[in-house]
Amino acid sequence: MNKNNNLGTSFYCAFKGIGFALKYNRNLRVHFLIAFLVIILSIFFRVNAFEMGILGVMILVVISSEMINTSIEEMTDLITKEHREEARIAKDVSAGMVLLSTIGSIVVGILIFVPHILRLIR
């Protein structure tokens, strides 16, 4: 595989990779849907710029983790089709990364949204 030095082609390949991941990874589609809902809630609750920035970073962390997980799974499947303990460990560890980033995002979301929800119901 040749290295690409053209910036336009680099962006094209990056968007193609995102498209592949969205097409073939159900979990990534779920993460994008949740990210969209978080953005809608942020607008509804009028979260401040700092909170929006934190939510944006957490969204990108979860989505990036899921895409890294997809890459690791695809590379592992390319390297070996047989059931190997090392392949299982690589896949499980990368899935654990997604789980931890998702839990962290949920905690951040609770910390940001609960005060807004409490103000709304008072």
PDB file of N, CA and C in Angstrom:
ATOM      1  N   MET A   1       0.845  -1.166   0.000  1.00  0.00           N
ATOM      2  CA  MET A   1       0.000   0.000   0.000  1.00  0.00           C
ATOM      3  C   MET A   1       0.895   1.236   0.000  1.00  0.00           C
ATOM      4  N   ASN A   2       0.631   2.150  -0.910  1.00  0.00           N
ATOM      5  CA  ASN A   2       1.434   3.368  -1.019  1.00  0.00           C
ATOM      6  C   ASN A   2       0.948   4.424  -0.046  1.00  0.00           C
ATOM      7  N   LYS A   3       1.902   5.235   0.430  1.00  0.00           N
ATOM      8  CA  LYS A   3       1.553   6.353   1.308  1.00  0.00           C
ATOM      9  C   LYS A   3       0.963   7.466   0.457  1.00  0.00           C
ATOM     10  N   ASN A   4      -0.094   8.067   0.953  1.00  0.00           N
ATOM     11  CA  ASN A   4      -0.755   9.140   0.229  1.00  0.00           C
ATOM     12  C   ASN A   4      -0.242  10.480   0.734  1.00  0.00           C
ATOM     13  N   ASN A   5       0.210  11.339  -0.163  1.00  0.00           N
ATOM     14  CA  ASN A   5       0.719  12.648   0.220  1.00  0.00           C
ATOM     15  C   ASN A   5      -0.229  13.775  -0.155  1.00  0.00           C
ATOM     16  N   ASN A   6      -1.368  13.468  -0.746  1.00  0.00           N
ATOM     17  CA  ASN A   6      -2.322  14.481  -1.173  1.00  0.00           C
ATOM     18  C   ASN A   6      -3.343  14.721  -0.058  1.00  0.00           C
ATOM     19  N   LEU A   7      -3.470  15.972   0.390  1.00  0.00           N
ATOM     20  CA  LEU A   7      -4.366  16.301   1.497  1.00  0.00           C
ATOM     21  C   LEU A   7      -5.821  15.969   1.167  1.00  0.00           C
ATOM     22  N   GLY A   8      -6.250  16.294  -0.039  1.00  0.00           N
ATOM     23  CA  GLY A   8      -7.627  16.000  -0.441  1.00  0.00           C
ATOM     24  C   GLY A   8      -7.918  14.514  -0.404  1.00  0.00           C
ATOM     25  N   THR A   9      -6.989  13.719  -0.894  1.00  0.00           N
ATOM     26  CA  THR A   9      -7.164  12.265  -0.880  1.00  0.00           C
ATOM     27  C   THR A   9      -7.160  11.737   0.548  1.00  0.00           C
ATOM     28  N   SER A  10      -6.340  12.345   1.405  1.00  0.00           N
ATOM     29  CA  SER A  10      -6.314  11.934   2.814  1.00  0.00           C
ATOM     30  C   SER A  10      -7.674  12.139   3.468  1.00  0.00           C
ATOM     31  N   PHE A  11      -8.287  13.310   3.222  1.00  0.00           N
ATOM     32  CA  PHE A  11      -9.616  13.567   3.775  1.00  0.00           C
ATOM     33  C   PHE A  11     -10.642  12.606   3.183  1.00  0.00           C
ATOM     34  N   TYR A  12     -10.546  12.352   1.883  1.00  0.00           N
ATOM     35  CA  TYR A  12     -11.462  11.422   1.225  1.00  0.00           C
ATOM     36  C   TYR A  12     -11.378  10.045   1.887  1.00  0.00           C
ATOM     37  N   CYS A  13     -10.159   9.566   2.093  1.00  0.00           N
ATOM     38  CA  CYS A  13      -9.964   8.247   2.716  1.00  0.00           C
ATOM     39  C   CYS A  13     -10.486   8.234   4.154  1.00  0.00           C
ATOM     40  N   ALA A  14     -10.270   9.339   4.880  1.00  0.00           N
ATOM     41  CA  ALA A  14     -10.756   9.415   6.264  1.00  0.00           C
ATOM     42  C   ALA A  14     -12.282   9.337   6.306  1.00  0.00           C
ATOM     43  N   PHE A  15     -12.953  10.094   5.433  1.00  0.00           N
ATOM     44  CA  PHE A  15     -14.416  10.050   5.403  1.00  0.00           C
ATOM     45  C   PHE A  15     -14.921   8.690   4.926  1.00  0.00           C
ATOM     46  N   LYS A  16     -14.182   8.059   4.017  1.00  0.00           N
ATOM     47  CA  LYS A  16     -14.533   6.719   3.565  1.00  0.00           C
ATOM     48  C   LYS A  16     -14.440   5.728   4.732  1.00  0.00           C
ATOM     49  N   GLY A  17     -13.428   5.903   5.572  1.00  0.00           N
ATOM     50  CA  GLY A  17     -13.281   5.053   6.753  1.00  0.00           C
ATOM     51  C   GLY A  17     -14.422   5.239   7.735  1.00  0.00           C
ATOM     52  N   ILE A  18     -14.827   6.488   7.947  1.00  0.00           N
ATOM     53  CA  ILE A  18     -15.970   6.754   8.823  1.00  0.00           C
ATOM     54  C   ILE A  18     -17.225   6.110   8.242  1.00  0.00           C
ATOM     55  N   GLY A  19     -17.407   6.243   6.932  1.00  0.00           N
ATOM     56  CA  GLY A  19     -18.561   5.639   6.267  1.00  0.00           C
ATOM     57  C   GLY A  19     -18.573   4.128   6.409  1.00  0.00           C
ATOM     58  N   PHE A  20     -17.409   3.494   6.238  1.00  0.00           N
ATOM     59  CA  PHE A  20     -17.309   2.041   6.404  1.00  0.00           C
ATOM     60  C   PHE A  20     -17.711   1.653   7.822  1.00  0.00           C
ATOM     61  N   ALA A  21     -17.139   2.362   8.788  1.00  0.00           N
ATOM     62  CA  ALA A  21     -17.422   2.032  10.186  1.00  0.00           C
ATOM     63  C   ALA A  21     -18.907   2.201  10.497  1.00  0.00           C
ATOM     64  N   LEU A  22     -19.513   3.264   9.984  1.00  0.00           N
ATOM     65  CA  LEU A  22     -20.948   3.476  10.221  1.00  0.00           C
ATOM     66  C   LEU A  22     -21.796   2.401   9.547  1.00  0.00           C
ATOM     67  N   LYS A  23     -21.384   1.987   8.358  1.00  0.00           N
ATOM     68  CA  LYS A  23     -22.158   0.996   7.609  1.00  0.00           C
ATOM     69  C   LYS A  23     -22.115  -0.381   8.271  1.00  0.00           C
ATOM     70  N   TYR A  24     -20.947  -0.757   8.785  1.00  0.00           N
ATOM     71  CA  TYR A  24     -20.767  -2.123   9.259  1.00  0.00           C
ATOM     72  C   TYR A  24     -20.722  -2.270  10.779  1.00  0.00           C
ATOM     73  N   ASN A  25     -20.789  -1.174  11.523  1.00  0.00           N
ATOM     74  CA  ASN A  25     -20.677  -1.271  12.975  1.00  0.00           C
ATOM     75  C   ASN A  25     -21.934  -0.699  13.625  1.00  0.00           C
ATOM     76  N   ARG A  26     -22.800  -1.588  14.077  1.00  0.00           N
ATOM     77  CA  ARG A  26     -24.056  -1.185  14.715  1.00  0.00           C
ATOM     78  C   ARG A  26     -23.795  -0.330  15.946  1.00  0.00           C
ATOM     79  N   ASN A  27     -22.804  -0.702  16.751  1.00  0.00           N
ATOM     80  CA  ASN A  27     -22.520   0.061  17.966  1.00  0.00           C
ATOM     81  C   ASN A  27     -22.135   1.501  17.649  1.00  0.00           C
ATOM     82  N   LEU A  28     -21.392   1.706  16.568  1.00  0.00           N
ATOM     83  CA  LEU A  28     -21.010   3.068  16.192  1.00  0.00           C
ATOM     84  C   LEU A  28     -22.243   3.874  15.794  1.00  0.00           C
ATOM     85  N   ARG A  29     -23.172   3.243  15.100  1.00  0.00           N
ATOM     86  CA  ARG A  29     -24.415   3.942  14.744  1.00  0.00           C
ATOM     87  C   ARG A  29     -25.190   4.335  16.001  1.00  0.00           C
ATOM     88  N   VAL A  30     -25.195   3.454  16.992  1.00  0.00           N
ATOM     89  CA  VAL A  30     -25.854   3.770  18.265  1.00  0.00           C
ATOM     90  C   VAL A  30     -25.161   4.953  18.934  1.00  0.00           C
ATOM     91  N   HIS A  31     -23.820   4.952  18.933  1.00  0.00           N
ATOM     92  CA  HIS A  31     -23.070   6.062  19.537  1.00  0.00           C
ATOM     93  C   HIS A  31     -23.368   7.380  18.822  1.00  0.00           C
ATOM     94  N   PHE A  32     -23.459   7.354  17.498  1.00  0.00           N
ATOM     95  CA  PHE A  32     -23.788   8.575  16.747  1.00  0.00           C
ATOM     96  C   PHE A  32     -25.203   9.055  17.082  1.00  0.00           C
ATOM     97  N   LEU A  33     -26.142   8.132  17.220  1.00  0.00           N
ATOM     98  CA  LEU A  33     -27.510   8.503  17.587  1.00  0.00           C
ATOM     99  C   LEU A  33     -27.537   9.140  18.976  1.00  0.00           C
ATOM    100  N   ILE A  34     -26.851   8.528  19.923  1.00  0.00           N
ATOM    101  CA  ILE A  34     -26.797   9.086  21.277  1.00  0.00           C
ATOM    102  C   ILE A  34     -26.116  10.448  21.258  1.00  0.00           C
ATOM    103  N   ALA A  35     -25.049  10.591  20.468  1.00  0.00           N
ATOM    104  CA  ALA A  35     -24.366  11.889  20.355  1.00  0.00           C
ATOM    105  C   ALA A  35     -25.327  12.953  19.834  1.00  0.00           C
ATOM    106  N   PHE A  36     -26.125  12.602  18.842  1.00  0.00           N
ATOM    107  CA  PHE A  36     -27.111  13.533  18.297  1.00  0.00           C
ATOM    108  C   PHE A  36     -28.117  13.937  19.377  1.00  0.00           C
ATOM    109  N   LEU A  37     -28.591  12.966  20.153  1.00  0.00           N
ATOM    110  CA  LEU A  37     -29.543  13.258  21.227  1.00  0.00           C
ATOM    111  C   LEU A  37     -28.914  14.141  22.306  1.00  0.00           C
ATOM    112  N   VAL A  38     -27.643  13.901  22.624  1.00  0.00           N
ATOM    113  CA  VAL A  38     -26.938  14.732  23.609  1.00  0.00           C
ATOM    114  C   VAL A  38     -26.843  16.171  23.108  1.00  0.00           C
ATOM    115  N   ILE A  39     -26.561  16.335  21.832  1.00  0.00           N
ATOM    116  CA  ILE A  39     -26.486  17.689  21.260  1.00  0.00           C
ATOM    117  C   ILE A  39     -27.853  18.376  21.334  1.00  0.00           C
ATOM    118  N   ILE A  40     -28.915  17.644  21.008  1.00  0.00           N
ATOM    119  CA  ILE A  40     -30.272  18.200  21.099  1.00  0.00           C
ATOM    120  C   ILE A  40     -30.584  18.605  22.545  1.00  0.00           C
ATOM    121  N   LEU A  41     -30.265  17.729  23.505  1.00  0.00           N
ATOM    122  CA  LEU A  41     -30.489  18.058  24.914  1.00  0.00           C
ATOM    123  C   LEU A  41     -29.671  19.271  25.343  1.00  0.00           C
ATOM    124  N   SER A  42     -28.454  19.372  24.842  1.00  0.00           N
ATOM    125  CA  SER A  42     -27.591  20.512  25.171  1.00  0.00           C
ATOM    126  C   SER A  42     -28.211  21.818  24.702  1.00  0.00           C
ATOM    127  N   ILE A  43     -28.794  21.782  23.523  1.00  0.00           N
ATOM    128  CA  ILE A  43     -29.464  22.974  22.993  1.00  0.00           C
ATOM    129  C   ILE A  43     -30.714  23.276  23.820  1.00  0.00           C
ATOM    130  N   PHE A  44     -31.493  22.233  24.126  1.00  0.00           N
ATOM    131  CA  PHE A  44     -32.722  22.408  24.905  1.00  0.00           C
ATOM    132  C   PHE A  44     -32.437  23.011  26.279  1.00  0.00           C
ATOM    133  N   PHE A  45     -31.402  22.480  26.961  1.00  0.00           N
ATOM    134  CA  PHE A  45     -31.072  22.952  28.300  1.00  0.00           C
ATOM    135  C   PHE A  45     -30.160  24.182  28.298  1.00  0.00           C
ATOM    136  N   ARG A  46     -29.771  24.616  27.113  1.00  0.00           N
ATOM    137  CA  ARG A  46     -28.893  25.783  26.971  1.00  0.00           C
ATOM    138  C   ARG A  46     -27.638  25.648  27.836  1.00  0.00           C
ATOM    139  N   VAL A  47     -26.948  24.512  27.675  1.00  0.00           N
ATOM    140  CA  VAL A  47     -25.714  24.324  28.437  1.00  0.00           C
ATOM    141  C   VAL A  47     -24.705  25.381  28.007  1.00  0.00           C
ATOM    142  N   ASN A  48     -23.827  25.769  28.922  1.00  0.00           N
ATOM    143  CA  ASN A  48     -22.857  26.809  28.589  1.00  0.00           C
ATOM    144  C   ASN A  48     -21.758  26.257  27.683  1.00  0.00           C
ATOM    145  N   ALA A  49     -20.930  27.143  27.189  1.00  0.00           N
ATOM    146  CA  ALA A  49     -19.896  26.765  26.217  1.00  0.00           C
ATOM    147  C   ALA A  49     -18.915  25.754  26.798  1.00  0.00           C
ATOM    148  N   PHE A  50     -18.552  25.914  28.058  1.00  0.00           N
ATOM    149  CA  PHE A  50     -17.622  24.974  28.684  1.00  0.00           C
ATOM    150  C   PHE A  50     -18.229  23.577  28.751  1.00  0.00           C
ATOM    151  N   GLU A  51     -19.478  23.490  29.217  1.00  0.00           N
ATOM    152  CA  GLU A  51     -20.158  22.196  29.287  1.00  0.00           C
ATOM    153  C   GLU A  51     -20.291  21.574  27.900  1.00  0.00           C
ATOM    154  N   MET A  52     -20.622  22.398  26.914  1.00  0.00           N
ATOM    155  CA  MET A  52     -20.751  21.889  25.545  1.00  0.00           C
ATOM    156  C   MET A  52     -19.414  21.367  25.038  1.00  0.00           C
ATOM    157  N   GLY A  53     -18.344  22.079  25.381  1.00  0.00           N
ATOM    158  CA  GLY A  53     -17.012  21.617  24.992  1.00  0.00           C
ATOM    159  C   GLY A  53     -16.673  20.275  25.614  1.00  0.00           C
ATOM    160  N   ILE A  54     -16.980  20.118  26.895  1.00  0.00           N
ATOM    161  CA  ILE A  54     -16.723  18.846  27.579  1.00  0.00           C
ATOM    162  C   ILE A  54     -17.554  17.727  26.948  1.00  0.00           C
ATOM    163  N   LEU A  55     -18.829  17.998  26.692  1.00  0.00           N
ATOM    164  CA  LEU A  55     -19.679  16.989  26.049  1.00  0.00           C
ATOM    165  C   LEU A  55     -19.147  16.628  24.667  1.00  0.00           C
ATOM    166  N   GLY A  56     -18.702  17.641  23.915  1.00  0.00           N
ATOM    167  CA  GLY A  56     -18.150  17.381  22.587  1.00  0.00           C
ATOM    168  C   GLY A  56     -16.913  16.505  22.639  1.00  0.00           C
ATOM    169  N   VAL A  57     -16.028  16.792  23.592  1.00  0.00           N
ATOM    170  CA  VAL A  57     -14.817  15.971  23.744  1.00  0.00           C
ATOM    171  C   VAL A  57     -15.195  14.542  24.111  1.00  0.00           C
ATOM    172  N   MET A  58     -16.136  14.375  25.020  1.00  0.00           N
ATOM    173  CA  MET A  58     -16.536  13.027  25.426  1.00  0.00           C
ATOM    174  C   MET A  58     -17.189  12.262  24.270  1.00  0.00           C
ATOM    175  N   ILE A  59     -17.983  12.958  23.469  1.00  0.00           N
ATOM    176  CA  ILE A  59     -18.576  12.322  22.287  1.00  0.00           C
ATOM    177  C   ILE A  59     -17.469  11.827  21.361  1.00  0.00           C
ATOM    178  N   LEU A  60     -16.478  12.682  21.119  1.00  0.00           N
ATOM    179  CA  LEU A  60     -15.377  12.291  20.233  1.00  0.00           C
ATOM    180  C   LEU A  60     -14.544  11.157  20.822  1.00  0.00           C
ATOM    181  N   VAL A  61     -14.374  11.133  22.136  1.00  0.00           N
ATOM    182  CA  VAL A  61     -13.626  10.045  22.775  1.00  0.00           C
ATOM    183  C   VAL A  61     -14.343   8.713  22.556  1.00  0.00           C
ATOM    184  N   VAL A  62     -15.652   8.689  22.776  1.00  0.00           N
ATOM    185  CA  VAL A  62     -16.405   7.436  22.618  1.00  0.00           C
ATOM    186  C   VAL A  62     -16.412   6.983  21.159  1.00  0.00           C
ATOM    187  N   ILE A  63     -16.694   7.900  20.243  1.00  0.00           N
ATOM    188  CA  ILE A  63     -16.746   7.534  18.824  1.00  0.00           C
ATOM    189  C   ILE A  63     -15.367   7.098  18.332  1.00  0.00           C
ATOM    190  N   SER A  64     -14.326   7.807  18.745  1.00  0.00           N
ATOM    191  CA  SER A  64     -12.967   7.418  18.352  1.00  0.00           C
ATOM    192  C   SER A  64     -12.600   6.057  18.931  1.00  0.00           C
ATOM    193  N   SER A  65     -12.978   5.808  20.184  1.00  0.00           N
ATOM    194  CA  SER A  65     -12.710   4.501  20.798  1.00  0.00           C
ATOM    195  C   SER A  65     -13.400   3.383  20.028  1.00  0.00           C
ATOM    196  N   GLU A  66     -14.630   3.615  19.634  1.00  0.00           N
ATOM    197  CA  GLU A  66     -15.367   2.600  18.871  1.00  0.00           C
ATOM    198  C   GLU A  66     -14.706   2.356  17.517  1.00  0.00           C
ATOM    199  N   MET A  67     -14.202   3.418  16.890  1.00  0.00           N
ATOM    200  CA  MET A  67     -13.544   3.250  15.591  1.00  0.00           C
ATOM    201  C   MET A  67     -12.192   2.543  15.740  1.00  0.00           C
ATOM    202  N   ILE A  68     -11.455   2.830  16.814  1.00  0.00           N
ATOM    203  CA  ILE A  68     -10.207   2.097  17.082  1.00  0.00           C
ATOM    204  C   ILE A  68     -10.529   0.630  17.328  1.00  0.00           C
ATOM    205  N   ASN A  69     -11.585   0.365  18.088  1.00  0.00           N
ATOM    206  CA  ASN A  69     -12.018  -1.004  18.343  1.00  0.00           C
ATOM    207  C   ASN A  69     -12.336  -1.727  17.033  1.00  0.00           C
ATOM    208  N   THR A  70     -13.051  -1.062  16.146  1.00  0.00           N
ATOM    209  CA  THR A  70     -13.365  -1.648  14.842  1.00  0.00           C
ATOM    210  C   THR A  70     -12.091  -1.956  14.066  1.00  0.00           C
ATOM    211  N   SER A  71     -11.140  -1.027  14.089  1.00  0.00           N
ATOM    212  CA  SER A  71      -9.868  -1.242  13.388  1.00  0.00           C
ATOM    213  C   SER A  71      -9.127  -2.451  13.949  1.00  0.00           C
ATOM    214  N   ILE A  72      -9.080  -2.551  15.270  1.00  0.00           N
ATOM    215  CA  ILE A  72      -8.391  -3.684  15.897  1.00  0.00           C
ATOM    216  C   ILE A  72      -9.085  -4.992  15.543  1.00  0.00           C
ATOM    217  N   GLU A  73     -10.406  -5.009  15.565  1.00  0.00           N
ATOM    218  CA  GLU A  73     -11.136  -6.224  15.204  1.00  0.00           C
ATOM    219  C   GLU A  73     -10.881  -6.618  13.754  1.00  0.00           C
ATOM    220  N   GLU A  74     -10.916  -5.640  12.843  1.00  0.00           N
ATOM    221  CA  GLU A  74     -10.679  -5.930  11.424  1.00  0.00           C
ATOM    222  C   GLU A  74      -9.252  -6.434  11.193  1.00  0.00           C
ATOM    223  N   MET A  75      -8.274  -5.792  11.827  1.00  0.00           N
ATOM    224  CA  MET A  75      -6.874  -6.221  11.661  1.00  0.00           C
ATOM    225  C   MET A  75      -6.658  -7.609  12.255  1.00  0.00           C
ATOM    226  N   THR A  76      -7.277  -7.875  13.396  1.00  0.00           N
ATOM    227  CA  THR A  76      -7.146  -9.188  14.020  1.00  0.00           C
ATOM    228  C   THR A  76      -7.736 -10.263  13.112  1.00  0.00           C
ATOM    229  N   ASP A  77      -8.892  -9.985  12.520  1.00  0.00           N
ATOM    230  CA  ASP A  77      -9.505 -10.948  11.606  1.00  0.00           C
ATOM    231  C   ASP A  77      -8.664 -11.140  10.349  1.00  0.00           C
ATOM    232  N   LEU A  78      -7.973 -10.090   9.909  1.00  0.00           N
ATOM    233  CA  LEU A  78      -7.097 -10.197   8.744  1.00  0.00           C
ATOM    234  C   LEU A  78      -5.898 -11.087   9.046  1.00  0.00           C
ATOM    235  N   ILE A  79      -5.360 -10.945  10.246  1.00  0.00           N
ATOM    236  CA  ILE A  79      -4.157 -11.690  10.622  1.00  0.00           C
ATOM    237  C   ILE A  79      -4.452 -13.165  10.828  1.00  0.00           C
ATOM    238  N   THR A  80      -5.562 -13.467  11.484  1.00  0.00           N
ATOM    239  CA  THR A  80      -5.881 -14.869  11.738  1.00  0.00           C
ATOM    240  C   THR A  80      -7.389 -15.097  11.713  1.00  0.00           C
ATOM    241  N   LYS A  81      -7.798 -16.142  11.041  1.00  0.00           N
ATOM    242  CA  LYS A  81      -9.214 -16.529  11.011  1.00  0.00           C
ATOM    243  C   LYS A  81      -9.504 -17.585  12.083  1.00  0.00           C
ATOM    244  N   GLU A  82      -8.460 -18.241  12.555  1.00  0.00           N
ATOM    245  CA  GLU A  82      -8.657 -19.280  13.561  1.00  0.00           C
ATOM    246  C   GLU A  82      -8.799 -18.658  14.948  1.00  0.00           C
ATOM    247  N   HIS A  83      -9.438 -19.407  15.846  1.00  0.00           N
ATOM    248  CA  HIS A  83      -9.623 -18.913  17.214  1.00  0.00           C
ATOM    249  C   HIS A  83      -8.288 -19.008  17.945  1.00  0.00           C
ATOM    250  N   ARG A  84      -7.760 -17.843  18.302  1.00  0.00           N
ATOM    251  CA  ARG A  84      -6.498 -17.796  19.051  1.00  0.00           C
ATOM    252  C   ARG A  84      -6.702 -16.926  20.275  1.00  0.00           C
ATOM    253  N   GLU A  85      -6.086 -17.336  21.353  1.00  0.00           N
ATOM    254  CA  GLU A  85      -6.222 -16.608  22.615  1.00  0.00           C
ATOM    255  C   GLU A  85      -5.746 -15.163  22.480  1.00  0.00           C
ATOM    256  N   GLU A  86      -4.642 -14.943  21.757  1.00  0.00           N
ATOM    257  CA  GLU A  86      -4.111 -13.583  21.581  1.00  0.00           C
ATOM    258  C   GLU A  86      -5.097 -12.694  20.827  1.00  0.00           C
ATOM    259  N   ALA A  87      -5.761 -13.256  19.832  1.00  0.00           N
ATOM    260  CA  ALA A  87      -6.749 -12.489  19.067  1.00  0.00           C
ATOM    261  C   ALA A  87      -7.936 -12.123  19.955  1.00  0.00           C
ATOM    262  N   ARG A  88      -8.378 -13.069  20.755  1.00  0.00           N
ATOM    263  CA  ARG A  88      -9.488 -12.803  21.673  1.00  0.00           C
ATOM    264  C   ARG A  88      -9.115 -11.712  22.671  1.00  0.00           C
ATOM    265  N   ILE A  89      -7.895 -11.777  23.205  1.00  0.00           N
ATOM    266  CA  ILE A  89      -7.447 -10.768  24.166  1.00  0.00           C
ATOM    267  C   ILE A  89      -7.418  -9.389  23.516  1.00  0.00           C
ATOM    268  N   ALA A  90      -6.876  -9.299  22.300  1.00  0.00           N
ATOM    269  CA  ALA A  90      -6.817  -8.004  21.602  1.00  0.00           C
ATOM    270  C   ALA A  90      -8.218  -7.428  21.421  1.00  0.00           C
ATOM    271  N   LYS A  91      -9.149  -8.268  21.007  1.00  0.00           N
ATOM    272  CA  LYS A  91     -10.524  -7.800  20.803  1.00  0.00           C
ATOM    273  C   LYS A  91     -11.192  -7.424  22.122  1.00  0.00           C
ATOM    274  N   ASP A  92     -10.984  -8.229  23.156  1.00  0.00           N
ATOM    275  CA  ASP A  92     -11.599  -7.941  24.453  1.00  0.00           C
ATOM    276  C   ASP A  92     -11.045  -6.658  25.072  1.00  0.00           C
ATOM    277  N   VAL A  93      -9.738  -6.453  24.961  1.00  0.00           N
ATOM    278  CA  VAL A  93      -9.130  -5.241  25.518  1.00  0.00           C
ATOM    279  C   VAL A  93      -9.650  -4.006  24.789  1.00  0.00           C
ATOM    280  N   SER A  94      -9.754  -4.084  23.464  1.00  0.00           N
ATOM    281  CA  SER A  94     -10.253  -2.916  22.729  1.00  0.00           C
ATOM    282  C   SER A  94     -11.736  -2.672  23.027  1.00  0.00           C
ATOM    283  N   ALA A  95     -12.499  -3.731  23.238  1.00  0.00           N
ATOM    284  CA  ALA A  95     -13.897  -3.557  23.644  1.00  0.00           C
ATOM    285  C   ALA A  95     -13.975  -2.936  25.038  1.00  0.00           C
ATOM    286  N   GLY A  96     -13.043  -3.315  25.912  1.00  0.00           N
ATOM    287  CA  GLY A  96     -12.978  -2.714  27.242  1.00  0.00           C
ATOM    288  C   GLY A  96     -12.700  -1.226  27.182  1.00  0.00           C
ATOM    289  N   MET A  97     -11.863  -0.811  26.217  1.00  0.00           N
ATOM    290  CA  MET A  97     -11.582   0.617  26.022  1.00  0.00           C
ATOM    291  C   MET A  97     -12.873   1.366  25.707  1.00  0.00           C
ATOM    292  N   VAL A  98     -13.676   0.802  24.829  1.00  0.00           N
ATOM    293  CA  VAL A  98     -14.943   1.445  24.468  1.00  0.00           C
ATOM    294  C   VAL A  98     -15.863   1.509  25.687  1.00  0.00           C
ATOM    295  N   LEU A  99     -15.923   0.433  26.440  1.00  0.00           N
ATOM    296  CA  LEU A  99     -16.776   0.405  27.627  1.00  0.00           C
ATOM    297  C   LEU A  99     -16.363   1.485  28.629  1.00  0.00           C
ATOM    298  N   LEU A 100     -15.063   1.591  28.901  1.00  0.00           N
ATOM    299  CA  LEU A 100     -14.593   2.598  29.862  1.00  0.00           C
ATOM    300  C   LEU A 100     -14.877   4.018  29.385  1.00  0.00           C
ATOM    301  N   SER A 101     -14.646   4.276  28.105  1.00  0.00           N
ATOM    302  CA  SER A 101     -14.912   5.630  27.602  1.00  0.00           C
ATOM    303  C   SER A 101     -16.408   5.933  27.633  1.00  0.00           C
ATOM    304  N   THR A 102     -17.227   4.925  27.393  1.00  0.00           N
ATOM    305  CA  THR A 102     -18.676   5.117  27.449  1.00  0.00           C
ATOM    306  C   THR A 102     -19.139   5.380  28.879  1.00  0.00           C
ATOM    307  N   ILE A 103     -18.619   4.625  29.834  1.00  0.00           N
ATOM    308  CA  ILE A 103     -18.967   4.853  31.241  1.00  0.00           C
ATOM    309  C   ILE A 103     -18.544   6.255  31.661  1.00  0.00           C
ATOM    310  N   GLY A 104     -17.337   6.666  31.276  1.00  0.00           N
ATOM    311  CA  GLY A 104     -16.876   8.017  31.592  1.00  0.00           C
ATOM    312  C   GLY A 104     -17.786   9.074  31.002  1.00  0.00           C
ATOM    313  N   SER A 105     -18.234   8.859  29.784  1.00  0.00           N
ATOM    314  CA  SER A 105     -19.135   9.814  29.134  1.00  0.00           C
ATOM    315  C   SER A 105     -20.487   9.881  29.835  1.00  0.00           C
ATOM    316  N   ILE A 106     -20.971   8.740  30.272  1.00  0.00           N
ATOM    317  CA  ILE A 106     -22.242   8.722  31.001  1.00  0.00           C
ATOM    318  C   ILE A 106     -22.115   9.510  32.305  1.00  0.00           C
ATOM    319  N   VAL A 107     -21.016   9.303  33.024  1.00  0.00           N
ATOM    320  CA  VAL A 107     -20.789  10.042  34.272  1.00  0.00           C
ATOM    321  C   VAL A 107     -20.743  11.542  33.999  1.00  0.00           C
ATOM    322  N   VAL A 108     -20.002  11.944  32.970  1.00  0.00           N
ATOM    323  CA  VAL A 108     -19.918  13.367  32.614  1.00  0.00           C
ATOM    324  C   VAL A 108     -21.302  13.896  32.236  1.00  0.00           C
ATOM    325  N   GLY A 109     -22.041  13.130  31.460  1.00  0.00           N
ATOM    326  CA  GLY A 109     -23.390  13.540  31.074  1.00  0.00           C
ATOM    327  C   GLY A 109     -24.298  13.732  32.279  1.00  0.00           C
ATOM    328  N   ILE A 110     -24.208  12.825  33.235  1.00  0.00           N
ATOM    329  CA  ILE A 110     -25.007  12.958  34.459  1.00  0.00           C
ATOM    330  C   ILE A 110     -24.615  14.224  35.211  1.00  0.00           C
ATOM    331  N   LEU A 111     -23.315  14.451  35.359  1.00  0.00           N
ATOM    332  CA  LEU A 111     -22.844  15.640  36.082  1.00  0.00           C
ATOM    333  C   LEU A 111     -23.291  16.935  35.410  1.00  0.00           C
ATOM    334  N   ILE A 112     -23.364  16.930  34.093  1.00  0.00           N
ATOM    335  CA  ILE A 112     -23.759  18.147  33.377  1.00  0.00           C
ATOM    336  C   ILE A 112     -25.272  18.304  33.317  1.00  0.00           C
ATOM    337  N   PHE A 113     -25.990  17.227  33.010  1.00  0.00           N
ATOM    338  CA  PHE A 113     -27.425  17.366  32.755  1.00  0.00           C
ATOM    339  C   PHE A 113     -28.301  17.351  34.011  1.00  0.00           C
ATOM    340  N   VAL A 114     -27.912  16.647  35.058  1.00  0.00           N
ATOM    341  CA  VAL A 114     -28.768  16.559  36.248  1.00  0.00           C
ATOM    342  C   VAL A 114     -29.086  17.934  36.835  1.00  0.00           C
ATOM    343  N   PRO A 115     -28.114  18.842  37.007  1.00  0.00           N
ATOM    344  CA  PRO A 115     -28.483  20.171  37.519  1.00  0.00           C
ATOM    345  C   PRO A 115     -29.486  20.904  36.618  1.00  0.00           C
ATOM    346  N   HIS A 116     -29.348  20.758  35.315  1.00  0.00           N
ATOM    347  CA  HIS A 116     -30.296  21.388  34.384  1.00  0.00           C
ATOM    348  C   HIS A 116     -31.684  20.765  34.522  1.00  0.00           C
ATOM    349  N   ILE A 117     -31.741  19.454  34.669  1.00  0.00           N
ATOM    350  CA  ILE A 117     -33.021  18.758  34.829  1.00  0.00           C
ATOM    351  C   ILE A 117     -33.677  19.164  36.147  1.00  0.00           C
ATOM    352  N   LEU A 118     -32.885  19.237  37.219  1.00  0.00           N
ATOM    353  CA  LEU A 118     -33.435  19.630  38.520  1.00  0.00           C
ATOM    354  C   LEU A 118     -33.990  21.049  38.486  1.00  0.00           C
ATOM    355  N   ARG A 119     -33.306  21.958  37.795  1.00  0.00           N
ATOM    356  CA  ARG A 119     -33.815  23.332  37.657  1.00  0.00           C
ATOM    357  C   ARG A 119     -35.138  23.348  36.890  1.00  0.00           C
ATOM    358  N   LEU A 120     -35.255  22.476  35.919  1.00  0.00           N
ATOM    359  CA  LEU A 120     -36.467  22.422  35.099  1.00  0.00           C
ATOM    360  C   LEU A 120     -37.675  21.937  35.904  1.00  0.00           C
ATOM    361  N   ILE A 121     -37.464  20.971  36.787  1.00  0.00           N
ATOM    362  CA  ILE A 121     -38.596  20.384  37.513  1.00  0.00           C
ATOM    363  C   ILE A 121     -38.933  21.133  38.799  1.00  0.00           C
ATOM    364  N   ARG A 122     -38.128  22.097  39.192  1.00  0.00           N
ATOM    365  CA  ARG A 122     -38.428  22.875  40.414  1.00  0.00           C
ATOM    366  C   ARG A 122     -39.447  23.923  40.155  1.00  0.00           C
TER     367      ARG A 122
END
